[in-house]
Amino acid sequence: MNSADAVTLENAYKQSELVVRQPAPSSLPYPGLLHNGEAESIRLAIELQADWLLVDDLDARQIARRNFEAAGVPTGVKGTLGV
């Protein structure tokens, strides 16, 4: 991320266009070997029934798909190169 991107994100946050959220405490049906941020992202996507989740790591994408299926949410999963 360059400094112009950081300024854009900071301004969006200050103007309430960007909201930082944490998921409610819960566990995943299929936790796998995820970093904390990946697990939180998957839990929040389930909670919000998000349209998409962007995840870099292939293993995390596979675990996310499995959890979305188990939770019955239609959230799609893409890697950053897929965007």
Protein backbone atom coordinates (compact mmCIF):
# COMPACT_ATOMS: atom_id res chain seq x y z
CA MET A 1 0.00 0.00 0.00
CA ASN A 2 1.37 3.40 -0.84
CA SER A 3 0.83 6.61 1.11
CA ALA A 4 -1.98 7.79 -1.21
CA ASP A 5 -3.87 4.54 -0.47
CA ALA A 6 -3.37 5.04 3.26
CA VAL A 7 -4.74 8.59 3.05
CA THR A 8 -7.76 7.37 1.06
CA LEU A 9 -8.52 4.68 3.63
CA GLU A 10 -8.01 7.05 6.55
CA ASN A 11 -10.37 9.62 5.01
CA ALA A 12 -13.01 6.97 4.32
CA TYR A 13 -12.75 5.81 7.93
CA LYS A 14 -13.04 9.36 9.28
CA GLN A 15 -16.13 9.98 7.11
CA SER A 16 -17.72 6.70 8.30
CA GLU A 17 -17.57 5.27 4.78
CA LEU A 18 -15.28 2.52 6.05
CA VAL A 19 -16.38 0.66 9.15
CA VAL A 20 -14.07 -1.59 11.14
CA ARG A 21 -15.96 -4.48 12.75
CA GLN A 22 -15.19 -7.57 14.75
CA PRO A 23 -17.35 -10.68 14.64
CA ALA A 24 -19.31 -11.82 17.64
CA PRO A 25 -17.46 -14.44 19.70
CA SER A 26 -18.13 -17.84 18.15
CA SER A 27 -16.32 -20.83 16.75
CA LEU A 28 -16.11 -22.16 13.23
CA PRO A 29 -17.52 -25.60 12.37
CA TYR A 30 -14.25 -26.33 10.51
CA PRO A 31 -11.50 -24.19 12.10
CA GLY A 32 -8.56 -25.71 10.23
CA LEU A 33 -5.15 -24.09 10.56
CA LEU A 34 -6.05 -20.43 10.21
CA HIS A 35 -4.39 -17.28 11.45
CA ASN A 36 -6.55 -15.22 13.81
CA GLY A 37 -7.32 -12.61 11.14
CA GLU A 38 -8.44 -15.25 8.64
CA ALA A 39 -10.71 -16.92 11.20
CA GLU A 40 -12.21 -13.56 12.20
CA SER A 41 -12.80 -12.67 8.56
CA ILE A 42 -14.62 -15.94 7.93
CA ARG A 43 -16.72 -15.55 11.09
CA LEU A 44 -17.64 -11.98 10.16
CA ALA A 45 -18.52 -12.99 6.59
CA ILE A 46 -20.85 -15.67 8.01
CA GLU A 47 -22.35 -13.21 10.51
CA LEU A 48 -23.00 -10.58 7.82
CA GLN A 49 -23.88 -13.12 5.12
CA ALA A 50 -21.38 -11.25 2.96
CA ASP A 51 -21.44 -11.52 -0.81
CA TRP A 52 -17.67 -12.06 -1.02
CA LEU A 53 -14.64 -12.77 1.13
CA LEU A 54 -11.17 -11.91 -0.19
CA VAL A 55 -8.47 -14.19 1.21
CA ASP A 56 -4.92 -14.51 -0.07
CA ASP A 57 -4.03 -17.96 1.23
CA LEU A 58 -5.30 -20.97 -0.77
CA ASP A 59 -5.75 -23.16 2.33
CA ALA A 60 -7.74 -20.38 4.03
CA ARG A 61 -9.98 -20.06 0.95
CA GLN A 62 -10.70 -23.79 1.04
CA ILE A 63 -11.48 -23.67 4.77
CA ALA A 64 -13.69 -20.60 4.22
CA ARG A 65 -15.71 -22.39 1.51
CA ARG A 66 -16.20 -25.38 3.79
CA ASN A 67 -17.38 -23.16 6.66
CA PHE A 68 -19.71 -21.16 4.41
CA GLU A 69 -21.27 -24.37 3.16
CA ALA A 70 -21.71 -25.67 6.73
CA ALA A 71 -23.23 -22.33 7.81
CA GLY A 72 -25.56 -22.26 4.81
CA VAL A 73 -24.38 -18.87 3.56
CA PRO A 74 -23.84 -18.12 -0.14
CA THR A 75 -20.63 -16.12 0.39
CA GLY A 76 -18.19 -16.42 -2.50
CA VAL A 77 -14.45 -16.65 -1.94
CA LYS A 78 -11.73 -15.06 -4.06
CA GLY A 79 -8.01 -14.62 -3.78
CA THR A 80 -6.43 -11.25 -4.39
CA LEU A 81 -5.27 -12.34 -7.85
CA GLY A 82 -8.85 -13.31 -8.66
CA VAL A 83 -9.94 -9.71 -8.17
